[in-house]
Amino acid sequence: MKYEGQRTDGTHAMNGTIYLENRSDDIQCSYDAAGTTMVDFFADGKSWPEFAKGGKSPYMD
């Protein structure tokens, strides 16, 4: 993961790579303006805000 800075909307961006059993994927995480709470998670070409808020992993299906 690499911190990419604060966006104009106040959120903070982190980008990196997730390594799964047989592949890897680029991911992005967004944190609130305070930098303490994840508010969005982006992987497989789409947003997973429920996962970011403690919900089901997009990879559990």
N, C-alpha and C. Protein backbone atom coordinates (compact mmCIF):
# COMPACT_ATOMS: atom_id res chain seq x y z
N MET A 1 0.84 -1.18 0.00
CA MET A 1 0.00 0.00 0.00
C MET A 1 0.89 1.24 0.00
N LYS A 2 0.41 2.26 -0.67
CA LYS A 2 1.13 3.53 -0.73
C LYS A 2 0.13 4.67 -0.52
N TYR A 3 0.47 5.58 0.37
CA TYR A 3 -0.37 6.76 0.60
C TYR A 3 -0.23 7.69 -0.59
N GLU A 4 -1.35 8.07 -1.19
CA GLU A 4 -1.35 8.92 -2.38
C GLU A 4 -1.71 10.37 -2.08
N GLY A 5 -2.06 10.68 -0.84
CA GLY A 5 -2.37 12.06 -0.48
C GLY A 5 -3.85 12.31 -0.26
N GLN A 6 -4.14 13.55 0.06
CA GLN A 6 -5.52 13.94 0.33
C GLN A 6 -6.15 14.48 -0.95
N ARG A 7 -7.35 14.03 -1.23
CA ARG A 7 -8.08 14.47 -2.43
C ARG A 7 -8.79 15.79 -2.16
N THR A 8 -9.31 16.38 -3.22
CA THR A 8 -10.01 17.66 -3.09
C THR A 8 -11.28 17.54 -2.26
N ASP A 9 -11.87 16.32 -2.18
CA ASP A 9 -13.08 16.14 -1.36
C ASP A 9 -12.74 15.90 0.11
N GLY A 10 -11.46 15.92 0.45
CA GLY A 10 -11.03 15.75 1.84
C GLY A 10 -10.65 14.33 2.22
N THR A 11 -11.03 13.34 1.40
CA THR A 11 -10.68 11.97 1.72
C THR A 11 -9.20 11.71 1.40
N HIS A 12 -8.67 10.66 2.00
CA HIS A 12 -7.28 10.27 1.79
C HIS A 12 -7.25 9.00 0.95
N ALA A 13 -6.28 8.91 0.03
CA ALA A 13 -6.19 7.78 -0.89
C ALA A 13 -5.00 6.89 -0.56
N MET A 14 -5.24 5.58 -0.60
CA MET A 14 -4.21 4.56 -0.48
C MET A 14 -4.38 3.60 -1.66
N ASN A 15 -3.30 3.32 -2.36
CA ASN A 15 -3.34 2.38 -3.48
C ASN A 15 -2.35 1.25 -3.22
N GLY A 16 -2.67 0.08 -3.74
CA GLY A 16 -1.77 -1.04 -3.57
C GLY A 16 -2.21 -2.25 -4.36
N THR A 17 -1.69 -3.39 -4.00
CA THR A 17 -2.00 -4.65 -4.68
C THR A 17 -2.44 -5.67 -3.65
N ILE A 18 -3.50 -6.40 -3.98
CA ILE A 18 -3.97 -7.49 -3.13
C ILE A 18 -3.57 -8.79 -3.83
N TYR A 19 -3.01 -9.71 -3.05
CA TYR A 19 -2.57 -11.00 -3.60
C TYR A 19 -3.54 -12.08 -3.12
N LEU A 20 -4.22 -12.68 -4.09
CA LEU A 20 -5.18 -13.74 -3.80
C LEU A 20 -4.52 -15.08 -4.14
N GLU A 21 -5.24 -16.16 -4.01
CA GLU A 21 -4.64 -17.48 -4.21
C GLU A 21 -4.00 -17.65 -5.58
N ASN A 22 -4.68 -17.22 -6.64
CA ASN A 22 -4.15 -17.49 -7.98
C ASN A 22 -4.03 -16.24 -8.85
N ARG A 23 -4.12 -15.06 -8.24
CA ARG A 23 -3.98 -13.83 -9.01
C ARG A 23 -3.75 -12.65 -8.08
N SER A 24 -3.47 -11.52 -8.67
CA SER A 24 -3.35 -10.29 -7.89
C SER A 24 -4.21 -9.23 -8.56
N ASP A 25 -4.54 -8.17 -7.83
CA ASP A 25 -5.37 -7.10 -8.36
C ASP A 25 -4.97 -5.79 -7.69
N ASP A 26 -5.03 -4.71 -8.45
CA ASP A 26 -4.79 -3.39 -7.87
C ASP A 26 -6.01 -2.99 -7.06
N ILE A 27 -5.78 -2.38 -5.91
CA ILE A 27 -6.87 -1.94 -5.06
C ILE A 27 -6.65 -0.48 -4.66
N GLN A 28 -7.74 0.16 -4.26
CA GLN A 28 -7.70 1.52 -3.75
C GLN A 28 -8.58 1.58 -2.51
N CYS A 29 -8.09 2.24 -1.48
CA CYS A 29 -8.86 2.47 -0.27
C CYS A 29 -8.98 3.97 -0.07
N SER A 30 -10.16 4.40 0.37
CA SER A 30 -10.38 5.81 0.69
C SER A 30 -10.70 5.91 2.18
N TYR A 31 -10.10 6.90 2.82
CA TYR A 31 -10.32 7.15 4.24
C TYR A 31 -10.93 8.52 4.43
N ASP A 32 -11.67 8.68 5.52
CA ASP A 32 -12.31 9.96 5.81
C ASP A 32 -11.26 11.07 5.98
N ALA A 33 -11.73 12.31 6.11
CA ALA A 33 -10.83 13.46 6.19
C ALA A 33 -9.87 13.37 7.37
N ALA A 34 -10.29 12.73 8.46
CA ALA A 34 -9.42 12.57 9.62
C ALA A 34 -8.39 11.46 9.40
N GLY A 35 -8.62 10.62 8.39
CA GLY A 35 -7.70 9.53 8.09
C GLY A 35 -7.85 8.33 9.02
N THR A 36 -8.97 8.24 9.71
CA THR A 36 -9.14 7.18 10.71
C THR A 36 -10.12 6.08 10.32
N THR A 37 -10.99 6.33 9.35
CA THR A 37 -12.03 5.36 9.00
C THR A 37 -12.06 5.14 7.49
N MET A 38 -11.99 3.86 7.08
CA MET A 38 -12.11 3.56 5.66
C MET A 38 -13.55 3.82 5.22
N VAL A 39 -13.70 4.53 4.12
CA VAL A 39 -15.04 4.85 3.62
C VAL A 39 -15.34 4.22 2.27
N ASP A 40 -14.32 3.73 1.57
CA ASP A 40 -14.56 3.04 0.31
C ASP A 40 -13.38 2.12 0.01
N PHE A 41 -13.67 1.06 -0.72
CA PHE A 41 -12.68 0.07 -1.14
C PHE A 41 -12.98 -0.22 -2.60
N PHE A 42 -11.99 -0.14 -3.47
CA PHE A 42 -12.18 -0.33 -4.90
C PHE A 42 -11.29 -1.48 -5.37
N ALA A 43 -11.91 -2.51 -5.95
CA ALA A 43 -11.19 -3.67 -6.49
C ALA A 43 -12.03 -4.32 -7.57
N ASP A 44 -11.42 -5.08 -8.44
CA ASP A 44 -12.13 -5.75 -9.53
C ASP A 44 -12.96 -4.79 -10.37
N GLY A 45 -12.48 -3.56 -10.49
CA GLY A 45 -13.16 -2.59 -11.35
C GLY A 45 -14.41 -1.96 -10.78
N LYS A 46 -14.66 -2.16 -9.48
CA LYS A 46 -15.84 -1.51 -8.90
C LYS A 46 -15.65 -1.18 -7.44
N SER A 47 -16.52 -0.35 -6.95
CA SER A 47 -16.49 0.11 -5.57
C SER A 47 -17.20 -0.88 -4.65
N TRP A 48 -16.65 -1.07 -3.43
CA TRP A 48 -17.22 -1.97 -2.43
C TRP A 48 -17.37 -1.20 -1.11
N PRO A 49 -18.22 -0.17 -1.04
CA PRO A 49 -18.32 0.65 0.18
C PRO A 49 -18.80 -0.14 1.40
N GLU A 50 -19.62 -1.16 1.22
CA GLU A 50 -20.09 -1.95 2.37
C GLU A 50 -18.93 -2.72 3.01
N PHE A 51 -18.02 -3.24 2.19
CA PHE A 51 -16.85 -3.92 2.71
C PHE A 51 -15.99 -2.94 3.52
N ALA A 52 -15.83 -1.72 3.00
CA ALA A 52 -15.04 -0.71 3.70
C ALA A 52 -15.61 -0.39 5.07
N LYS A 53 -16.92 -0.54 5.21
CA LYS A 53 -17.59 -0.22 6.47
C LYS A 53 -17.78 -1.45 7.36
N GLY A 54 -17.02 -2.51 7.08
CA GLY A 54 -17.06 -3.70 7.93
C GLY A 54 -18.01 -4.78 7.46
N GLY A 55 -18.50 -4.65 6.25
CA GLY A 55 -19.42 -5.65 5.72
C GLY A 55 -18.71 -6.82 5.09
N LYS A 56 -19.45 -7.60 4.34
CA LYS A 56 -18.95 -8.81 3.71
C LYS A 56 -17.85 -8.50 2.69
N SER A 57 -16.82 -9.31 2.67
CA SER A 57 -15.74 -9.18 1.71
C SER A 57 -16.25 -9.47 0.30
N PRO A 58 -15.81 -8.71 -0.69
CA PRO A 58 -16.21 -9.00 -2.07
C PRO A 58 -15.65 -10.31 -2.57
N TYR A 59 -14.70 -10.90 -1.87
CA TYR A 59 -14.07 -12.15 -2.30
C TYR A 59 -14.61 -13.38 -1.58
N MET A 60 -15.69 -13.23 -0.81
CA MET A 60 -16.21 -14.36 -0.05
C MET A 60 -17.25 -15.16 -0.79
N ASP A 61 -17.73 -14.69 -1.94
CA ASP A 61 -18.77 -15.41 -2.70
C ASP A 61 -18.21 -16.63 -3.39
